[in-house]
Amino acid sequence: MGTLSAGKILSINIGKKVGAKKDPAEECRLIADFGIEGDAHGGILQNRQVSLLATESIEKIRNKGLDIHYGDFAENLTTEGIVLHLLPLGTKLKIGKEVLTEVSQIGKVCHDRCAIFHTIGDCVMPREGIFVRVLSDGVIRVGDEITLES
């Protein structure tokens, strides 16, 4: 199972409230040392500014019979093509043409089990979701490429 060096954004999801599903957006502005402009998580935790979850991880839950959509795991960016949870901490990800980020956390502890967990007894976000810190400002759009920077 290799980690591909390029992927793309399938969905951008922004939430007005922490701990709730996020709503899709065509584009958003990322702000260095803050996160996504207008997202409830922006500026709260330095190591969890922006969350990413791969569609490949979401499929594992869909295959258990749950009809779920991008943003239902409260992820900011739904991606395709990179095995996110296998990236080492400190890995630099370039998103679109101008935004540089750095992997700051793999997975998270879910103290309050989400509706997905209560429905099927499992959730992939705690194991396979990742978080990045924003190193440079810029606007990203659905369909933008994500590349690993050396």
N, C-alpha and C. Protein backbone atom coordinates (compact mmCIF):
# COMPACT_ATOMS: atom_id res chain seq x y z
N MET A 1 0.84 -1.18 0.00
CA MET A 1 0.00 0.00 0.00
C MET A 1 0.88 1.24 0.00
N GLY A 2 1.02 1.88 -1.16
CA GLY A 2 1.89 3.03 -1.25
C GLY A 2 1.16 4.31 -0.96
N THR A 3 1.91 5.31 -0.57
CA THR A 3 1.34 6.63 -0.36
C THR A 3 1.60 7.42 -1.63
N LEU A 4 0.56 7.73 -2.37
CA LEU A 4 0.74 8.50 -3.59
C LEU A 4 1.18 9.91 -3.23
N SER A 5 1.89 10.55 -4.17
CA SER A 5 2.44 11.87 -3.86
C SER A 5 1.55 13.00 -4.36
N ALA A 6 0.40 12.67 -4.97
CA ALA A 6 -0.50 13.72 -5.42
C ALA A 6 -1.94 13.25 -5.28
N GLY A 7 -2.79 14.19 -4.99
CA GLY A 7 -4.21 13.91 -4.88
C GLY A 7 -4.97 15.16 -5.25
N LYS A 8 -6.27 15.18 -4.93
CA LYS A 8 -7.04 16.39 -5.21
C LYS A 8 -8.15 16.57 -4.20
N ILE A 9 -8.66 17.80 -4.16
CA ILE A 9 -9.77 18.14 -3.26
C ILE A 9 -11.08 17.78 -3.95
N LEU A 10 -11.88 16.95 -3.31
CA LEU A 10 -13.20 16.61 -3.82
C LEU A 10 -14.27 17.51 -3.23
N SER A 11 -14.06 17.98 -2.00
CA SER A 11 -15.05 18.81 -1.33
C SER A 11 -14.37 19.71 -0.31
N ILE A 12 -14.83 20.95 -0.22
CA ILE A 12 -14.43 21.88 0.83
C ILE A 12 -15.65 22.03 1.72
N ASN A 13 -15.46 21.88 3.02
CA ASN A 13 -16.59 21.89 3.95
C ASN A 13 -16.30 22.87 5.09
N ILE A 14 -17.24 23.77 5.32
CA ILE A 14 -17.06 24.81 6.32
C ILE A 14 -18.21 24.75 7.32
N GLY A 15 -17.87 24.85 8.60
CA GLY A 15 -18.89 24.79 9.65
C GLY A 15 -18.95 26.05 10.48
N LYS A 16 -20.15 26.44 10.83
CA LYS A 16 -20.34 27.62 11.68
C LYS A 16 -20.29 27.25 13.16
N LYS A 17 -20.36 25.93 13.45
CA LYS A 17 -20.40 25.47 14.83
C LYS A 17 -19.43 24.29 15.00
N VAL A 18 -18.68 24.27 16.09
CA VAL A 18 -17.75 23.16 16.39
C VAL A 18 -18.58 21.91 16.70
N GLY A 19 -18.12 20.76 16.17
CA GLY A 19 -18.76 19.49 16.47
C GLY A 19 -19.99 19.19 15.64
N ALA A 20 -20.24 19.97 14.62
CA ALA A 20 -21.41 19.73 13.76
C ALA A 20 -20.95 19.43 12.34
N LYS A 21 -21.86 18.84 11.56
CA LYS A 21 -21.57 18.60 10.14
C LYS A 21 -21.24 19.93 9.48
N LYS A 22 -20.42 19.86 8.46
CA LYS A 22 -20.01 21.07 7.75
C LYS A 22 -20.72 21.14 6.39
N ASP A 23 -20.88 22.35 5.91
CA ASP A 23 -21.58 22.57 4.64
C ASP A 23 -20.58 22.78 3.51
N PRO A 24 -20.92 22.27 2.30
CA PRO A 24 -19.99 22.39 1.17
C PRO A 24 -19.83 23.83 0.68
N ALA A 25 -18.64 24.11 0.17
CA ALA A 25 -18.32 25.40 -0.44
C ALA A 25 -17.46 25.13 -1.67
N GLU A 26 -17.54 25.99 -2.66
CA GLU A 26 -16.73 25.82 -3.87
C GLU A 26 -15.28 26.22 -3.66
N GLU A 27 -15.07 27.19 -2.75
CA GLU A 27 -13.73 27.66 -2.46
C GLU A 27 -13.68 28.23 -1.06
N CYS A 28 -12.47 28.41 -0.56
CA CYS A 28 -12.30 29.04 0.75
C CYS A 28 -10.92 29.67 0.82
N ARG A 29 -10.77 30.54 1.80
CA ARG A 29 -9.47 31.19 2.03
C ARG A 29 -8.84 30.58 3.26
N LEU A 30 -7.59 30.14 3.11
CA LEU A 30 -6.81 29.64 4.24
C LEU A 30 -5.89 30.74 4.72
N ILE A 31 -5.80 30.88 6.04
CA ILE A 31 -5.00 31.95 6.64
C ILE A 31 -3.91 31.30 7.50
N ALA A 32 -2.67 31.73 7.29
CA ALA A 32 -1.53 31.17 8.01
C ALA A 32 -1.74 31.27 9.52
N ASP A 33 -1.39 30.19 10.21
CA ASP A 33 -1.49 30.09 11.67
C ASP A 33 -2.91 30.30 12.20
N PHE A 34 -3.92 30.09 11.34
CA PHE A 34 -5.31 30.27 11.76
C PHE A 34 -6.19 29.10 11.29
N GLY A 35 -6.22 28.89 9.98
CA GLY A 35 -7.09 27.86 9.41
C GLY A 35 -7.95 28.44 8.32
N ILE A 36 -9.20 27.97 8.23
CA ILE A 36 -10.11 28.40 7.17
C ILE A 36 -10.93 29.60 7.64
N GLU A 37 -10.91 30.65 6.85
CA GLU A 37 -11.70 31.84 7.15
C GLU A 37 -13.19 31.45 7.20
N GLY A 38 -13.85 31.80 8.29
CA GLY A 38 -15.27 31.52 8.42
C GLY A 38 -15.61 30.16 9.02
N ASP A 39 -14.60 29.31 9.29
CA ASP A 39 -14.87 28.01 9.90
C ASP A 39 -14.78 28.12 11.42
N ALA A 40 -15.66 27.41 12.10
CA ALA A 40 -15.72 27.48 13.57
C ALA A 40 -14.42 27.06 14.25
N HIS A 41 -13.62 26.20 13.59
CA HIS A 41 -12.37 25.74 14.21
C HIS A 41 -11.21 26.71 14.00
N GLY A 42 -11.38 27.70 13.15
CA GLY A 42 -10.31 28.64 12.84
C GLY A 42 -9.77 29.32 14.09
N GLY A 43 -8.46 29.27 14.26
CA GLY A 43 -7.80 29.98 15.34
C GLY A 43 -7.93 29.36 16.73
N ILE A 44 -8.57 28.21 16.86
CA ILE A 44 -8.78 27.63 18.19
C ILE A 44 -7.59 26.78 18.64
N LEU A 45 -7.23 25.77 17.87
CA LEU A 45 -6.12 24.88 18.24
C LEU A 45 -5.03 24.94 17.17
N GLN A 46 -3.81 25.27 17.57
CA GLN A 46 -2.71 25.40 16.61
C GLN A 46 -2.42 24.10 15.86
N ASN A 47 -2.60 22.95 16.53
CA ASN A 47 -2.26 21.68 15.88
C ASN A 47 -3.44 21.10 15.10
N ARG A 48 -4.61 21.77 15.14
CA ARG A 48 -5.77 21.25 14.41
C ARG A 48 -6.49 22.38 13.67
N GLN A 49 -5.75 23.08 12.80
CA GLN A 49 -6.33 24.22 12.09
C GLN A 49 -7.27 23.80 10.96
N VAL A 50 -6.89 22.77 10.21
CA VAL A 50 -7.69 22.30 9.09
C VAL A 50 -7.68 20.77 9.12
N SER A 51 -8.87 20.17 8.96
CA SER A 51 -8.96 18.70 8.97
C SER A 51 -9.16 18.17 7.56
N LEU A 52 -8.54 17.02 7.31
CA LEU A 52 -8.65 16.35 6.01
C LEU A 52 -9.06 14.91 6.23
N LEU A 53 -9.91 14.41 5.36
CA LEU A 53 -10.32 13.00 5.37
C LEU A 53 -10.45 12.55 3.93
N ALA A 54 -9.88 11.39 3.63
CA ALA A 54 -9.91 10.87 2.26
C ALA A 54 -11.23 10.18 1.95
N THR A 55 -11.67 10.33 0.71
CA THR A 55 -12.88 9.63 0.27
C THR A 55 -12.71 8.12 0.41
N GLU A 56 -11.46 7.65 0.28
CA GLU A 56 -11.19 6.22 0.44
C GLU A 56 -11.55 5.76 1.86
N SER A 57 -11.35 6.62 2.85
CA SER A 57 -11.75 6.30 4.23
C SER A 57 -13.26 6.35 4.39
N ILE A 58 -13.88 7.34 3.77
CA ILE A 58 -15.34 7.49 3.85
C ILE A 58 -16.03 6.27 3.24
N GLU A 59 -15.44 5.72 2.17
CA GLU A 59 -16.02 4.54 1.52
C GLU A 59 -16.13 3.35 2.48
N LYS A 60 -15.19 3.25 3.42
CA LYS A 60 -15.23 2.14 4.39
C LYS A 60 -16.52 2.19 5.20
N ILE A 61 -16.98 3.38 5.52
CA ILE A 61 -18.23 3.53 6.29
C ILE A 61 -19.43 3.35 5.36
N ARG A 62 -19.35 3.88 4.14
CA ARG A 62 -20.44 3.68 3.18
C ARG A 62 -20.66 2.19 2.92
N ASN A 63 -19.57 1.44 2.88
CA ASN A 63 -19.67 0.00 2.63
C ASN A 63 -20.34 -0.75 3.77
N LYS A 64 -20.49 -0.09 4.92
CA LYS A 64 -21.21 -0.71 6.04
C LYS A 64 -22.70 -0.37 5.98
N GLY A 65 -23.09 0.30 4.90
CA GLY A 65 -24.51 0.55 4.67
C GLY A 65 -25.01 1.92 5.07
N LEU A 66 -24.12 2.85 5.40
CA LEU A 66 -24.57 4.17 5.83
C LEU A 66 -24.47 5.17 4.68
N ASP A 67 -25.54 5.89 4.44
CA ASP A 67 -25.56 6.92 3.40
C ASP A 67 -25.00 8.20 3.98
N ILE A 68 -23.73 8.44 3.71
CA ILE A 68 -23.08 9.63 4.26
C ILE A 68 -22.49 10.47 3.14
N HIS A 69 -22.28 11.72 3.44
CA HIS A 69 -21.83 12.67 2.42
C HIS A 69 -20.58 13.40 2.91
N TYR A 70 -19.90 14.05 1.96
CA TYR A 70 -18.73 14.83 2.33
C TYR A 70 -19.15 15.91 3.33
N GLY A 71 -18.34 16.08 4.37
CA GLY A 71 -18.63 17.05 5.42
C GLY A 71 -19.34 16.44 6.62
N ASP A 72 -19.91 15.23 6.45
CA ASP A 72 -20.63 14.58 7.56
C ASP A 72 -19.72 14.21 8.72
N PHE A 73 -18.43 14.03 8.44
CA PHE A 73 -17.46 13.72 9.50
C PHE A 73 -16.87 15.00 10.08
N ALA A 74 -17.40 16.14 9.65
CA ALA A 74 -16.93 17.48 10.05
C ALA A 74 -15.52 17.76 9.54
N GLU A 75 -15.13 17.06 8.46
CA GLU A 75 -13.82 17.33 7.86
C GLU A 75 -13.92 18.59 7.00
N ASN A 76 -12.83 19.39 7.00
CA ASN A 76 -12.80 20.59 6.17
C ASN A 76 -12.56 20.26 4.71
N LEU A 77 -11.62 19.35 4.46
CA LEU A 77 -11.28 18.99 3.09
C LEU A 77 -11.45 17.49 2.90
N THR A 78 -12.26 17.12 1.92
CA THR A 78 -12.38 15.72 1.53
C THR A 78 -11.45 15.54 0.34
N THR A 79 -10.56 14.55 0.43
CA THR A 79 -9.52 14.39 -0.58
C THR A 79 -9.62 13.04 -1.28
N GLU A 80 -8.86 12.92 -2.35
CA GLU A 80 -8.77 11.65 -3.07
C GLU A 80 -7.33 11.47 -3.54
N GLY A 81 -6.82 10.25 -3.45
CA GLY A 81 -5.54 9.94 -4.05
C GLY A 81 -4.34 9.86 -3.13
N ILE A 82 -4.43 10.37 -1.92
CA ILE A 82 -3.31 10.30 -0.96
C ILE A 82 -3.81 9.56 0.28
N VAL A 83 -3.01 8.58 0.74
CA VAL A 83 -3.36 7.87 1.98
C VAL A 83 -2.92 8.77 3.12
N LEU A 84 -3.82 9.62 3.54
CA LEU A 84 -3.49 10.69 4.49
C LEU A 84 -2.93 10.19 5.81
N HIS A 85 -3.56 9.17 6.39
CA HIS A 85 -3.18 8.75 7.75
C HIS A 85 -1.82 8.05 7.80
N LEU A 86 -1.21 7.81 6.65
CA LEU A 86 0.14 7.22 6.63
C LEU A 86 1.23 8.28 6.45
N LEU A 87 0.84 9.53 6.30
CA LEU A 87 1.83 10.59 6.14
C LEU A 87 2.49 10.88 7.49
N PRO A 88 3.82 11.03 7.51
CA PRO A 88 4.49 11.36 8.77
C PRO A 88 4.16 12.79 9.21
N LEU A 89 4.15 13.02 10.53
CA LEU A 89 4.00 14.36 11.04
C LEU A 89 5.08 15.25 10.44
N GLY A 90 4.74 16.47 10.13
CA GLY A 90 5.72 17.38 9.53
C GLY A 90 5.73 17.37 8.02
N THR A 91 5.02 16.43 7.39
CA THR A 91 4.94 16.39 5.93
C THR A 91 4.30 17.67 5.42
N LYS A 92 4.91 18.27 4.41
CA LYS A 92 4.36 19.49 3.82
C LYS A 92 3.45 19.12 2.65
N LEU A 93 2.25 19.71 2.65
CA LEU A 93 1.29 19.50 1.57
C LEU A 93 1.01 20.84 0.91
N LYS A 94 1.20 20.90 -0.40
CA LYS A 94 0.85 22.10 -1.14
C LYS A 94 -0.56 21.88 -1.68
N ILE A 95 -1.45 22.82 -1.42
CA ILE A 95 -2.84 22.71 -1.85
C ILE A 95 -3.11 23.84 -2.83
N GLY A 96 -3.50 23.46 -4.05
CA GLY A 96 -3.69 24.47 -5.09
C GLY A 96 -2.36 25.07 -5.49
N LYS A 97 -2.40 26.32 -5.92
CA LYS A 97 -1.18 26.97 -6.41
C LYS A 97 -0.39 27.70 -5.33
N GLU A 98 -1.04 28.07 -4.21
CA GLU A 98 -0.35 28.97 -3.29
C GLU A 98 -0.32 28.57 -1.83
N VAL A 99 -1.15 27.63 -1.41
CA VAL A 99 -1.25 27.32 0.02
C VAL A 99 -0.30 26.19 0.40
N LEU A 100 0.51 26.43 1.42
CA LEU A 100 1.40 25.40 1.95
C LEU A 100 0.93 25.06 3.37
N THR A 101 0.82 23.76 3.65
CA THR A 101 0.40 23.30 4.97
C THR A 101 1.38 22.25 5.47
N GLU A 102 1.25 21.91 6.75
CA GLU A 102 2.12 20.91 7.35
C GLU A 102 1.27 19.99 8.23
N VAL A 103 1.45 18.67 8.05
CA VAL A 103 0.71 17.70 8.85
C VAL A 103 1.10 17.87 10.31
N SER A 104 0.10 18.14 11.17
CA SER A 104 0.37 18.43 12.57
C SER A 104 -0.22 17.39 13.53
N GLN A 105 -1.19 16.59 13.05
CA GLN A 105 -1.78 15.56 13.91
C GLN A 105 -2.44 14.51 13.04
N ILE A 106 -2.29 13.25 13.44
CA ILE A 106 -2.95 12.13 12.77
C ILE A 106 -4.03 11.62 13.71
N GLY A 107 -5.26 11.62 13.24
CA GLY A 107 -6.36 11.13 14.06
C GLY A 107 -6.65 12.04 15.24
N LYS A 108 -7.65 11.65 16.01
CA LYS A 108 -8.01 12.43 17.19
C LYS A 108 -8.84 11.55 18.13
N VAL A 109 -8.91 11.96 19.36
CA VAL A 109 -9.75 11.26 20.32
C VAL A 109 -11.15 11.85 20.22
N CYS A 110 -12.14 10.98 20.04
CA CYS A 110 -13.53 11.44 20.02
C CYS A 110 -14.14 11.17 21.38
N HIS A 111 -14.27 12.21 22.19
CA HIS A 111 -14.85 12.04 23.52
C HIS A 111 -16.35 11.85 23.44
N ASP A 112 -17.00 12.62 22.57
CA ASP A 112 -18.44 12.49 22.37
C ASP A 112 -18.62 11.75 21.05
N ARG A 113 -19.06 10.52 21.13
CA ARG A 113 -19.25 9.73 19.93
C ARG A 113 -20.27 10.39 19.01
N CYS A 114 -19.93 10.45 17.73
CA CYS A 114 -20.80 11.11 16.76
C CYS A 114 -21.98 10.21 16.37
N ALA A 115 -22.90 10.80 15.62
CA ALA A 115 -24.08 10.06 15.17
C ALA A 115 -23.68 8.87 14.31
N ILE A 116 -22.61 9.03 13.53
CA ILE A 116 -22.15 7.93 12.68
C ILE A 116 -21.73 6.75 13.54
N PHE A 117 -20.97 7.02 14.60
CA PHE A 117 -20.53 5.94 15.50
C PHE A 117 -21.74 5.27 16.16
N HIS A 118 -22.69 6.06 16.62
CA HIS A 118 -23.86 5.50 17.28
C HIS A 118 -24.72 4.66 16.34
N THR A 119 -24.70 5.00 15.05
CA THR A 119 -25.52 4.27 14.07
C THR A 119 -24.91 2.92 13.72
N ILE A 120 -23.59 2.89 13.47
CA ILE A 120 -22.98 1.63 13.00
C ILE A 120 -21.86 1.11 13.89
N GLY A 121 -21.55 1.83 14.96
CA GLY A 121 -20.52 1.36 15.88
C GLY A 121 -19.10 1.60 15.42
N ASP A 122 -18.92 2.50 14.46
CA ASP A 122 -17.58 2.78 13.95
C ASP A 122 -17.56 4.18 13.36
N CYS A 123 -16.37 4.78 13.34
CA CYS A 123 -16.16 6.06 12.68
C CYS A 123 -14.68 6.10 12.27
N VAL A 124 -14.40 6.56 11.04
CA VAL A 124 -13.01 6.55 10.57
C VAL A 124 -12.24 7.82 10.92
N MET A 125 -12.94 8.90 11.22
CA MET A 125 -12.24 10.17 11.46
C MET A 125 -11.20 10.07 12.59
N PRO A 126 -11.51 9.40 13.71
CA PRO A 126 -10.49 9.33 14.78
C PRO A 126 -9.22 8.58 14.36
N ARG A 127 -9.32 7.65 13.41
CA ARG A 127 -8.16 6.87 12.99
C ARG A 127 -7.49 7.40 11.73
N GLU A 128 -8.30 7.88 10.78
CA GLU A 128 -7.76 8.18 9.45
C GLU A 128 -7.85 9.63 9.04
N GLY A 129 -8.51 10.45 9.85
CA GLY A 129 -8.52 11.88 9.56
C GLY A 129 -7.20 12.49 10.00
N ILE A 130 -6.76 13.53 9.31
CA ILE A 130 -5.52 14.21 9.72
C ILE A 130 -5.80 15.70 9.85
N PHE A 131 -4.87 16.38 10.50
CA PHE A 131 -4.96 17.82 10.68
C PHE A 131 -3.68 18.46 10.18
N VAL A 132 -3.82 19.66 9.61
CA VAL A 132 -2.66 20.40 9.14
C VAL A 132 -2.68 21.82 9.71
N ARG A 133 -1.47 22.37 9.83
CA ARG A 133 -1.30 23.79 10.14
C ARG A 133 -1.12 24.51 8.82
N VAL A 134 -1.66 25.71 8.72
CA VAL A 134 -1.54 26.51 7.50
C VAL A 134 -0.28 27.36 7.60
N LEU A 135 0.62 27.20 6.62
CA LEU A 135 1.89 27.93 6.63
C LEU A 135 1.86 29.17 5.74
N SER A 136 0.99 29.17 4.71
CA SER A 136 0.90 30.35 3.84
C SER A 136 -0.55 30.57 3.41
N ASP A 137 -0.94 31.84 3.32
CA ASP A 137 -2.30 32.22 2.94
C ASP A 137 -2.61 31.87 1.49
N GLY A 138 -3.89 31.76 1.21
CA GLY A 138 -4.32 31.60 -0.17
C GLY A 138 -5.72 31.04 -0.28
N VAL A 139 -6.24 31.07 -1.49
CA VAL A 139 -7.57 30.54 -1.78
C VAL A 139 -7.43 29.18 -2.44
N ILE A 140 -8.23 28.22 -1.98
CA ILE A 140 -8.25 26.90 -2.60
C ILE A 140 -9.66 26.64 -3.11
N ARG A 141 -9.73 25.75 -4.13
CA ARG A 141 -11.01 25.44 -4.76
C ARG A 141 -11.19 23.93 -4.89
N VAL A 142 -12.44 23.51 -4.97
CA VAL A 142 -12.74 22.11 -5.26
C VAL A 142 -12.05 21.76 -6.58
N GLY A 143 -11.39 20.61 -6.62
CA GLY A 143 -10.67 20.16 -7.81
C GLY A 143 -9.19 20.50 -7.80
N ASP A 144 -8.76 21.37 -6.86
CA ASP A 144 -7.33 21.72 -6.77
C ASP A 144 -6.51 20.49 -6.43
N GLU A 145 -5.29 20.47 -6.94
CA GLU A 145 -4.37 19.38 -6.66
C GLU A 145 -3.70 19.57 -5.30
N ILE A 146 -3.41 18.43 -4.66
CA ILE A 146 -2.65 18.41 -3.41
C ILE A 146 -1.38 17.64 -3.71
N THR A 147 -0.23 18.23 -3.43
CA THR A 147 1.04 17.55 -3.68
C THR A 147 1.91 17.55 -2.45
N LEU A 148 2.70 16.48 -2.31
CA LEU A 148 3.66 16.39 -1.22
C LEU A 148 4.88 17.22 -1.59
N GLU A 149 5.31 18.08 -0.69
CA GLU A 149 6.49 18.90 -0.93
C GLU A 149 7.66 18.28 -0.16
N SER A 150 8.83 18.31 -0.77
CA SER A 150 9.98 17.71 -0.07
C SER A 150 10.72 18.74 0.74
